[in-house]
Amino acid sequence: MIKVAFAIIITSMPHWPSVKYQGYLYPDMETCLVSTEMYVEQFRAYADSQGDYNAHFDSMCFETESYPIDAFGGPQQGIGFNA
């Protein structure tokens, strides 16, 4: 098993019947936190450009275990990774 980070970004607006959410998977917590912050900034800028100034965005990252994921590649090799 490997550790992966999962992000959830939740969007809500006045008069919506529910919240909207999106999930993203990352190879580590640091990448999750940085990427999620960038996504929220982009979503907020887009909402503002559409006149949706009351849009509320919230995000969270958490670690979980997973079987290895091919898209994340194998063990890192190179300087500093005991290649």
N, C-alpha and C. Protein backbone atom coordinates (compact mmCIF):
# COMPACT_ATOMS: atom_id res chain seq x y z
N MET A 1 0.84 -1.18 0.00
CA MET A 1 0.00 0.00 0.00
C MET A 1 0.89 1.25 0.00
N ILE A 2 0.37 2.31 -0.60
CA ILE A 2 1.06 3.59 -0.61
C ILE A 2 0.14 4.64 0.00
N LYS A 3 0.73 5.74 0.41
CA LYS A 3 -0.07 6.87 0.89
C LYS A 3 -0.30 7.82 -0.28
N VAL A 4 -1.53 8.28 -0.41
CA VAL A 4 -1.87 9.29 -1.40
C VAL A 4 -2.67 10.38 -0.69
N ALA A 5 -2.75 11.54 -1.32
CA ALA A 5 -3.54 12.64 -0.76
C ALA A 5 -4.74 12.87 -1.66
N PHE A 6 -5.86 13.12 -1.03
CA PHE A 6 -7.11 13.36 -1.76
C PHE A 6 -7.63 14.73 -1.37
N ALA A 7 -8.02 15.51 -2.36
CA ALA A 7 -8.57 16.85 -2.11
C ALA A 7 -10.04 16.88 -2.49
N ILE A 8 -10.80 17.59 -1.69
CA ILE A 8 -12.19 17.87 -2.02
C ILE A 8 -12.36 19.38 -1.99
N ILE A 9 -12.91 19.93 -3.07
CA ILE A 9 -13.24 21.34 -3.14
C ILE A 9 -14.76 21.45 -3.19
N ILE A 10 -15.31 22.19 -2.25
CA ILE A 10 -16.76 22.33 -2.13
C ILE A 10 -17.14 23.76 -2.49
N THR A 11 -18.16 23.90 -3.33
CA THR A 11 -18.65 25.21 -3.75
C THR A 11 -20.11 25.34 -3.36
N SER A 12 -20.46 26.49 -2.79
CA SER A 12 -21.86 26.75 -2.49
C SER A 12 -22.20 28.18 -2.89
N MET A 13 -23.46 28.38 -3.20
CA MET A 13 -23.98 29.68 -3.60
C MET A 13 -25.36 29.85 -2.99
N PRO A 14 -25.75 31.09 -2.70
CA PRO A 14 -27.11 31.31 -2.22
C PRO A 14 -28.12 30.78 -3.24
N HIS A 15 -29.15 30.15 -2.75
CA HIS A 15 -30.27 29.65 -3.56
C HIS A 15 -29.95 28.42 -4.39
N TRP A 16 -28.79 27.82 -4.21
CA TRP A 16 -28.53 26.54 -4.86
C TRP A 16 -29.25 25.46 -4.06
N PRO A 17 -29.73 24.41 -4.70
CA PRO A 17 -30.41 23.35 -3.95
C PRO A 17 -29.45 22.49 -3.14
N SER A 18 -28.15 22.55 -3.44
CA SER A 18 -27.17 21.74 -2.74
C SER A 18 -25.79 22.35 -2.96
N VAL A 19 -24.76 21.68 -2.48
CA VAL A 19 -23.40 22.10 -2.76
C VAL A 19 -22.88 21.31 -3.96
N LYS A 20 -21.86 21.86 -4.61
CA LYS A 20 -21.16 21.12 -5.67
C LYS A 20 -19.79 20.77 -5.11
N TYR A 21 -19.27 19.63 -5.53
CA TYR A 21 -17.95 19.26 -5.05
C TYR A 21 -17.17 18.59 -6.17
N GLN A 22 -15.86 18.70 -6.05
CA GLN A 22 -14.94 18.05 -6.98
C GLN A 22 -13.85 17.40 -6.16
N GLY A 23 -13.37 16.26 -6.62
CA GLY A 23 -12.31 15.55 -5.93
C GLY A 23 -11.10 15.38 -6.83
N TYR A 24 -9.93 15.47 -6.22
CA TYR A 24 -8.67 15.32 -6.95
C TYR A 24 -7.73 14.43 -6.15
N LEU A 25 -6.96 13.62 -6.84
CA LEU A 25 -6.02 12.70 -6.21
C LEU A 25 -4.60 13.17 -6.49
N TYR A 26 -3.75 13.16 -5.45
CA TYR A 26 -2.36 13.62 -5.56
C TYR A 26 -1.42 12.60 -4.94
N PRO A 27 -0.15 12.60 -5.39
CA PRO A 27 0.80 11.62 -4.86
C PRO A 27 1.29 11.94 -3.44
N ASP A 28 1.11 13.21 -2.98
CA ASP A 28 1.56 13.57 -1.63
C ASP A 28 0.77 14.77 -1.13
N MET A 29 0.86 15.02 0.18
CA MET A 29 0.07 16.07 0.82
C MET A 29 0.51 17.47 0.38
N GLU A 30 1.80 17.69 0.23
CA GLU A 30 2.29 19.01 -0.17
C GLU A 30 1.72 19.42 -1.54
N THR A 31 1.76 18.51 -2.50
CA THR A 31 1.22 18.79 -3.83
C THR A 31 -0.28 19.05 -3.74
N CYS A 32 -0.95 18.30 -2.91
CA CYS A 32 -2.39 18.48 -2.72
C CYS A 32 -2.71 19.88 -2.21
N LEU A 33 -2.01 20.31 -1.17
CA LEU A 33 -2.29 21.61 -0.57
C LEU A 33 -2.01 22.76 -1.54
N VAL A 34 -0.88 22.69 -2.24
CA VAL A 34 -0.52 23.76 -3.18
C VAL A 34 -1.50 23.79 -4.35
N SER A 35 -1.79 22.64 -4.92
CA SER A 35 -2.69 22.58 -6.08
C SER A 35 -4.11 22.99 -5.72
N THR A 36 -4.57 22.56 -4.57
CA THR A 36 -5.93 22.90 -4.16
C THR A 36 -6.08 24.41 -3.95
N GLU A 37 -5.07 25.04 -3.37
CA GLU A 37 -5.11 26.49 -3.20
C GLU A 37 -5.19 27.20 -4.55
N MET A 38 -4.42 26.70 -5.52
CA MET A 38 -4.46 27.30 -6.87
C MET A 38 -5.82 27.10 -7.52
N TYR A 39 -6.39 25.91 -7.39
CA TYR A 39 -7.72 25.65 -7.95
C TYR A 39 -8.77 26.59 -7.36
N VAL A 40 -8.76 26.75 -6.04
CA VAL A 40 -9.75 27.60 -5.39
C VAL A 40 -9.60 29.04 -5.88
N GLU A 41 -8.38 29.52 -6.02
CA GLU A 41 -8.15 30.87 -6.54
C GLU A 41 -8.70 31.01 -7.96
N GLN A 42 -8.47 30.00 -8.80
CA GLN A 42 -8.99 30.02 -10.17
C GLN A 42 -10.51 29.97 -10.19
N PHE A 43 -11.09 29.11 -9.37
CA PHE A 43 -12.56 29.02 -9.31
C PHE A 43 -13.16 30.34 -8.84
N ARG A 44 -12.55 30.96 -7.84
CA ARG A 44 -13.05 32.23 -7.31
C ARG A 44 -12.95 33.33 -8.38
N ALA A 45 -11.84 33.38 -9.10
CA ALA A 45 -11.67 34.39 -10.15
C ALA A 45 -12.71 34.18 -11.25
N TYR A 46 -12.97 32.94 -11.61
CA TYR A 46 -13.98 32.66 -12.64
C TYR A 46 -15.37 33.07 -12.15
N ALA A 47 -15.70 32.72 -10.92
CA ALA A 47 -17.01 33.10 -10.37
C ALA A 47 -17.17 34.61 -10.37
N ASP A 48 -16.13 35.33 -9.94
CA ASP A 48 -16.19 36.79 -9.94
C ASP A 48 -16.37 37.33 -11.36
N SER A 49 -15.70 36.72 -12.33
CA SER A 49 -15.82 37.20 -13.72
C SER A 49 -17.23 36.99 -14.26
N GLN A 50 -17.97 36.04 -13.67
CA GLN A 50 -19.34 35.77 -14.08
C GLN A 50 -20.36 36.56 -13.24
N GLY A 51 -19.85 37.37 -12.31
CA GLY A 51 -20.73 38.14 -11.44
C GLY A 51 -21.25 37.38 -10.24
N ASP A 52 -20.70 36.20 -9.98
CA ASP A 52 -21.12 35.38 -8.84
C ASP A 52 -20.25 35.70 -7.63
N TYR A 53 -20.40 36.90 -7.08
CA TYR A 53 -19.55 37.36 -5.99
C TYR A 53 -19.86 36.67 -4.66
N ASN A 54 -20.98 36.01 -4.55
CA ASN A 54 -21.36 35.33 -3.31
C ASN A 54 -20.94 33.86 -3.28
N ALA A 55 -20.23 33.40 -4.29
CA ALA A 55 -19.78 32.00 -4.30
C ALA A 55 -18.84 31.76 -3.13
N HIS A 56 -19.04 30.64 -2.46
CA HIS A 56 -18.18 30.27 -1.33
C HIS A 56 -17.45 28.98 -1.68
N PHE A 57 -16.16 28.97 -1.48
CA PHE A 57 -15.34 27.80 -1.77
C PHE A 57 -14.64 27.35 -0.50
N ASP A 58 -14.60 26.05 -0.30
CA ASP A 58 -13.89 25.47 0.82
C ASP A 58 -13.16 24.24 0.30
N SER A 59 -12.01 23.97 0.85
CA SER A 59 -11.25 22.79 0.37
C SER A 59 -10.57 22.12 1.54
N MET A 60 -10.27 20.86 1.35
CA MET A 60 -9.53 20.11 2.35
C MET A 60 -8.74 18.99 1.66
N CYS A 61 -7.61 18.68 2.24
CA CYS A 61 -6.79 17.55 1.77
C CYS A 61 -6.66 16.56 2.92
N PHE A 62 -6.67 15.30 2.58
CA PHE A 62 -6.43 14.28 3.60
C PHE A 62 -5.68 13.12 2.98
N GLU A 63 -4.92 12.42 3.82
CA GLU A 63 -4.16 11.25 3.36
C GLU A 63 -4.97 9.99 3.55
N THR A 64 -4.76 9.08 2.63
CA THR A 64 -5.35 7.76 2.74
C THR A 64 -4.40 6.76 2.10
N GLU A 65 -4.65 5.50 2.33
CA GLU A 65 -3.82 4.46 1.72
C GLU A 65 -4.49 3.94 0.46
N SER A 66 -3.65 3.53 -0.47
CA SER A 66 -4.15 3.04 -1.75
C SER A 66 -3.19 1.97 -2.26
N TYR A 67 -3.70 1.14 -3.11
CA TYR A 67 -2.80 0.27 -3.85
C TYR A 67 -2.00 1.16 -4.79
N PRO A 68 -0.80 0.73 -5.21
CA PRO A 68 0.00 1.55 -6.12
C PRO A 68 -0.80 1.99 -7.35
N ILE A 69 -0.54 3.21 -7.77
CA ILE A 69 -1.24 3.82 -8.91
C ILE A 69 -0.21 4.05 -10.01
N ASP A 70 -0.37 3.39 -11.14
CA ASP A 70 0.60 3.47 -12.24
C ASP A 70 0.85 4.91 -12.69
N ALA A 71 -0.18 5.74 -12.69
CA ALA A 71 -0.04 7.11 -13.17
C ALA A 71 0.91 7.93 -12.30
N PHE A 72 1.14 7.51 -11.06
CA PHE A 72 2.05 8.23 -10.18
C PHE A 72 3.50 7.79 -10.38
N GLY A 73 3.76 6.80 -11.22
CA GLY A 73 5.12 6.34 -11.49
C GLY A 73 5.66 5.46 -10.38
N GLY A 74 6.90 5.04 -10.56
CA GLY A 74 7.53 4.16 -9.58
C GLY A 74 8.32 4.95 -8.56
N PRO A 75 9.17 4.25 -7.85
CA PRO A 75 10.01 4.93 -6.86
C PRO A 75 10.87 6.00 -7.53
N GLN A 76 11.07 7.12 -6.85
CA GLN A 76 11.88 8.19 -7.42
C GLN A 76 13.34 7.79 -7.38
N GLN A 77 14.05 8.16 -8.44
CA GLN A 77 15.47 7.86 -8.51
C GLN A 77 16.20 9.12 -8.92
N GLY A 78 17.44 9.23 -8.50
CA GLY A 78 18.24 10.38 -8.86
C GLY A 78 18.98 10.91 -7.64
N ILE A 79 19.56 12.10 -7.77
CA ILE A 79 20.30 12.70 -6.68
C ILE A 79 19.40 12.84 -5.47
N GLY A 80 19.86 12.35 -4.35
CA GLY A 80 19.11 12.47 -3.11
C GLY A 80 18.13 11.32 -2.89
N PHE A 81 18.02 10.41 -3.85
CA PHE A 81 17.08 9.30 -3.71
C PHE A 81 17.79 7.95 -3.74
N ASN A 82 19.07 7.94 -3.40
CA ASN A 82 19.87 6.72 -3.33
C ASN A 82 19.77 5.91 -4.62
N ALA A 83 19.97 6.57 -5.73
CA ALA A 83 19.89 5.90 -7.04
C ALA A 83 21.03 4.94 -7.24
